[in-house]
């Protein structure tokens, strides 16, 4: 089966939330082999938010891996600025990816599609355990992160900044494993879909 990479490429010019840490790579040594070190926010590129991000218990190393591997549904939300309950099908698997058509530019956007609290409530009621989106956040810019809080309180993990532009809506198998780094509230993922 062909794999579809839904992770944007990360480099030093990748936009980050204002005040956050962009990717920086430095060389530690070049002989007898090249060794580098890097620094960046764990919210750069395709990433997962753990409960700790919203003051809950559990960092990325403690997340159950089965959340990140399995059946998912890519839902058509292209052209929708605010994803509401009516945009979420009434029957969904445990993993839902919201395709809005958003593509990250060269700088952090002032607005982007996001998920309403009511849509998160509907997904929680339907048994969704993972919600993903192709915009930088499930909450609007400069918000109180209400959808984040509700998702985390509902034992739902959040995948953000996916690249879904070239993905057709429908059923897939998702693989998007976080790094097992103790203490982190988020982790980059290499997210892929399998038809």
Protein backbone atom coordinates (compact mmCIF):
# COMPACT_ATOMS: atom_id res chain seq x y z
CA UNK A 1 0.00 0.00 0.00
CA UNK A 2 1.33 3.48 -0.83
CA UNK A 3 1.92 5.76 2.13
CA UNK A 4 0.75 9.39 2.08
CA UNK A 5 2.95 11.75 4.09
CA UNK A 6 0.76 14.37 5.82
CA UNK A 7 3.59 16.05 7.73
CA UNK A 8 4.90 19.40 6.52
CA UNK A 9 8.66 19.65 6.07
CA UNK A 10 10.32 21.54 8.94
CA UNK A 11 13.25 23.90 8.44
CA UNK A 12 14.65 27.02 10.10
CA UNK A 13 12.18 29.23 8.21
CA UNK A 14 9.09 27.27 9.33
CA UNK A 15 6.71 29.72 11.06
CA UNK A 16 6.14 29.38 14.80
CA UNK A 17 3.62 30.95 17.15
CA UNK A 18 4.87 34.49 18.00
CA UNK A 19 7.52 34.23 20.70
CA UNK A 20 7.97 30.47 20.30
CA UNK A 21 11.30 28.80 19.39
CA UNK A 22 11.97 28.11 15.68
CA UNK A 23 14.18 25.26 14.53
CA UNK A 24 17.87 25.89 15.18
CA UNK A 25 20.52 23.33 14.27
CA UNK A 26 24.15 23.59 15.34
CA UNK A 27 27.14 21.39 14.66
CA UNK A 28 28.72 19.74 17.70
CA UNK A 29 31.54 18.05 15.80
CA UNK A 30 32.40 16.90 12.30
CA UNK A 31 35.04 14.22 12.97
CA UNK A 32 35.06 11.25 13.16
CA UNK A 33 31.38 11.75 12.24
CA UNK A 34 28.97 14.66 11.96
CA UNK A 35 27.00 15.25 15.17
CA UNK A 36 24.47 18.05 15.49
CA UNK A 37 22.12 19.36 18.16
CA UNK A 38 18.80 21.06 17.59
CA UNK A 39 16.39 23.27 19.48
CA UNK A 40 12.76 24.00 18.62
CA UNK A 41 9.30 24.20 20.07
CA UNK A 42 7.62 20.79 20.15
CA UNK A 43 4.60 22.50 18.52
CA UNK A 44 6.45 23.00 15.22
CA UNK A 45 5.18 21.15 12.16
CA UNK A 46 2.77 18.24 12.55
CA UNK A 47 2.54 17.62 16.28
CA UNK A 48 0.45 16.15 19.07
CA UNK A 49 -0.63 17.98 22.21
CA UNK A 50 -0.58 15.93 25.42
CA UNK A 51 -2.77 16.65 28.49
CA UNK A 52 0.15 18.44 30.14
CA UNK A 53 -0.21 21.20 27.51
CA UNK A 54 -3.46 22.25 29.19
CA UNK A 55 -2.35 21.64 32.78
CA UNK A 56 -3.51 18.02 32.82
CA UNK A 57 -1.64 14.91 33.89
CA UNK A 58 0.42 13.14 31.29
CA UNK A 59 3.23 14.12 28.98
CA UNK A 60 3.84 12.81 25.45
CA UNK A 61 5.84 9.83 26.69
CA UNK A 62 2.77 8.59 28.59
CA UNK A 63 0.26 8.71 25.71
CA UNK A 64 -1.14 5.30 24.66
CA UNK A 65 0.36 4.40 21.28
CA UNK A 66 -2.87 2.81 20.03
CA UNK A 67 -4.33 6.31 19.77
CA UNK A 68 -1.93 7.07 16.93
CA UNK A 69 -2.28 3.93 14.82
CA UNK A 70 -5.53 2.79 13.28
CA UNK A 71 -8.61 3.62 11.27
CA UNK A 72 -9.33 7.30 10.71
CA UNK A 73 -11.71 9.40 8.67
CA UNK A 74 -10.65 12.50 6.72
CA UNK A 75 -13.65 14.85 6.83
CA UNK A 76 -14.28 17.54 4.21
CA UNK A 77 -14.29 20.97 5.90
CA UNK A 78 -12.73 22.86 2.97
CA UNK A 79 -13.85 26.48 2.95
CA UNK A 80 -15.15 26.32 6.52
CA UNK A 81 -13.71 28.93 8.89
CA UNK A 82 -15.30 27.57 12.08
CA UNK A 83 -15.94 23.82 12.23
CA UNK A 84 -19.31 23.28 13.90
CA UNK A 85 -21.25 20.11 14.88
CA UNK A 86 -23.03 19.98 11.51
CA UNK A 87 -19.64 19.54 9.77
CA UNK A 88 -18.93 16.34 11.75
CA UNK A 89 -20.59 13.16 10.43
CA UNK A 90 -22.86 11.34 12.88
CA UNK A 91 -20.85 8.14 12.52
CA UNK A 92 -17.07 8.36 12.79
CA UNK A 93 -14.18 6.12 13.92
CA UNK A 94 -12.04 6.95 16.97
CA UNK A 95 -9.72 9.11 14.84
CA UNK A 96 -10.98 12.10 12.83
CA UNK A 97 -8.88 14.39 10.62
CA UNK A 98 -10.45 17.69 9.54
CA UNK A 99 -9.41 18.84 6.07
CA UNK A 100 -9.95 22.60 5.80
CA UNK A 101 -7.67 23.34 2.85
CA UNK A 102 -5.43 25.54 5.00
CA UNK A 103 -1.78 25.71 3.95
CA UNK A 104 0.81 27.37 6.19
CA UNK A 105 2.53 30.31 4.52
CA UNK A 106 5.91 31.84 5.24
CA UNK A 107 4.77 33.59 8.42
CA UNK A 108 2.44 32.81 11.31
CA UNK A 109 -1.16 33.56 10.23
CA UNK A 110 -3.46 35.95 12.08
CA UNK A 111 -6.43 33.69 11.37
CA UNK A 112 -7.05 30.12 10.25
CA UNK A 113 -9.84 27.52 10.39
CA UNK A 114 -10.52 26.13 13.87
CA UNK A 115 -12.89 23.80 15.75
CA UNK A 116 -15.79 25.12 17.83
CA UNK A 117 -16.30 23.87 21.36
CA UNK A 118 -19.66 22.41 20.26
CA UNK A 119 -17.95 20.35 17.52
CA UNK A 120 -15.47 18.98 20.08
CA UNK A 121 -18.43 18.10 22.34
CA UNK A 122 -20.09 16.21 19.48
CA UNK A 123 -16.89 14.29 18.66
CA UNK A 124 -16.43 13.40 22.35
CA UNK A 125 -20.01 12.11 22.48
CA UNK A 126 -19.32 10.00 19.36
CA UNK A 127 -16.28 8.40 21.03
CA UNK A 128 -13.55 10.24 19.11
CA UNK A 129 -10.18 9.77 20.84
CA UNK A 130 -8.02 11.73 18.38
CA UNK A 131 -8.87 14.85 16.40
CA UNK A 132 -6.50 16.24 13.79
CA UNK A 133 -6.59 19.39 11.70
CA UNK A 134 -4.50 20.92 8.90
CA UNK A 135 -4.40 24.36 10.51
CA UNK A 136 -2.00 25.46 13.29
CA UNK A 137 -4.54 24.91 16.09
CA UNK A 138 -8.02 23.62 16.88
CA UNK A 139 -8.56 26.99 18.63
CA UNK A 140 -8.57 30.47 17.10
CA UNK A 141 -5.63 32.84 17.49
CA UNK A 142 -5.56 34.77 20.82
CA UNK A 143 -8.26 32.58 22.34
CA UNK A 144 -8.69 30.98 25.73
CA UNK A 145 -8.06 27.55 24.14
CA UNK A 146 -11.56 26.33 25.04
CA UNK A 147 -11.52 23.54 22.43
CA UNK A 148 -8.11 22.37 23.67
CA UNK A 149 -9.35 22.25 27.27
CA UNK A 150 -12.51 20.38 26.31
CA UNK A 151 -10.68 17.86 24.10
CA UNK A 152 -8.11 17.11 26.80
CA UNK A 153 -10.84 16.84 29.47
CA UNK A 154 -12.62 14.36 27.15
CA UNK A 155 -9.46 12.18 26.88
CA UNK A 156 -9.03 13.24 23.25
CA UNK A 157 -5.56 13.90 21.86
CA UNK A 158 -4.99 16.69 19.35
CA UNK A 159 -2.95 16.52 16.13
CA UNK A 160 -2.29 19.90 14.55
CA UNK A 161 -0.65 21.41 11.49
CA UNK A 162 -1.17 18.38 9.26
CA UNK A 163 -0.80 18.60 5.47
CA UNK A 164 -4.08 17.36 4.00
CA UNK A 165 -4.36 19.41 0.79
CA UNK A 166 -3.58 16.48 -1.50
CA UNK A 167 -5.57 13.93 0.51
CA UNK A 168 -9.03 12.85 -0.62
CA UNK A 169 -11.77 12.66 2.00
CA UNK A 170 -12.59 9.18 3.22
CA UNK A 171 -11.29 6.29 5.30
CA UNK A 172 -7.58 5.65 5.93
CA UNK A 173 -5.22 4.03 8.39
CA UNK A 174 -3.33 6.68 10.37
CA UNK A 175 0.17 6.31 11.79
CA UNK A 176 1.41 9.39 13.70
CA UNK A 177 3.64 8.39 16.60
CA UNK A 178 4.96 10.99 19.06
CA UNK A 179 8.47 10.87 20.48
CA UNK A 180 8.74 9.35 23.96
CA UNK A 181 10.37 12.38 25.62
CA UNK A 182 9.49 12.60 29.31
CA UNK A 183 8.31 16.02 30.46
CA UNK A 184 7.20 17.41 27.09
CA UNK A 185 3.67 18.77 26.65
CA UNK A 186 3.79 18.19 22.88
CA UNK A 187 5.79 16.25 20.31
CA UNK A 188 6.46 16.43 16.60
CA UNK A 189 5.08 13.45 14.68
CA UNK A 190 5.73 12.01 11.24
CA UNK A 191 2.11 11.52 10.30
CA UNK A 192 1.24 9.22 7.42
CA UNK A 193 -1.94 7.78 5.96
CA UNK A 194 -2.44 4.41 4.32
CA UNK A 195 -5.48 3.92 2.07
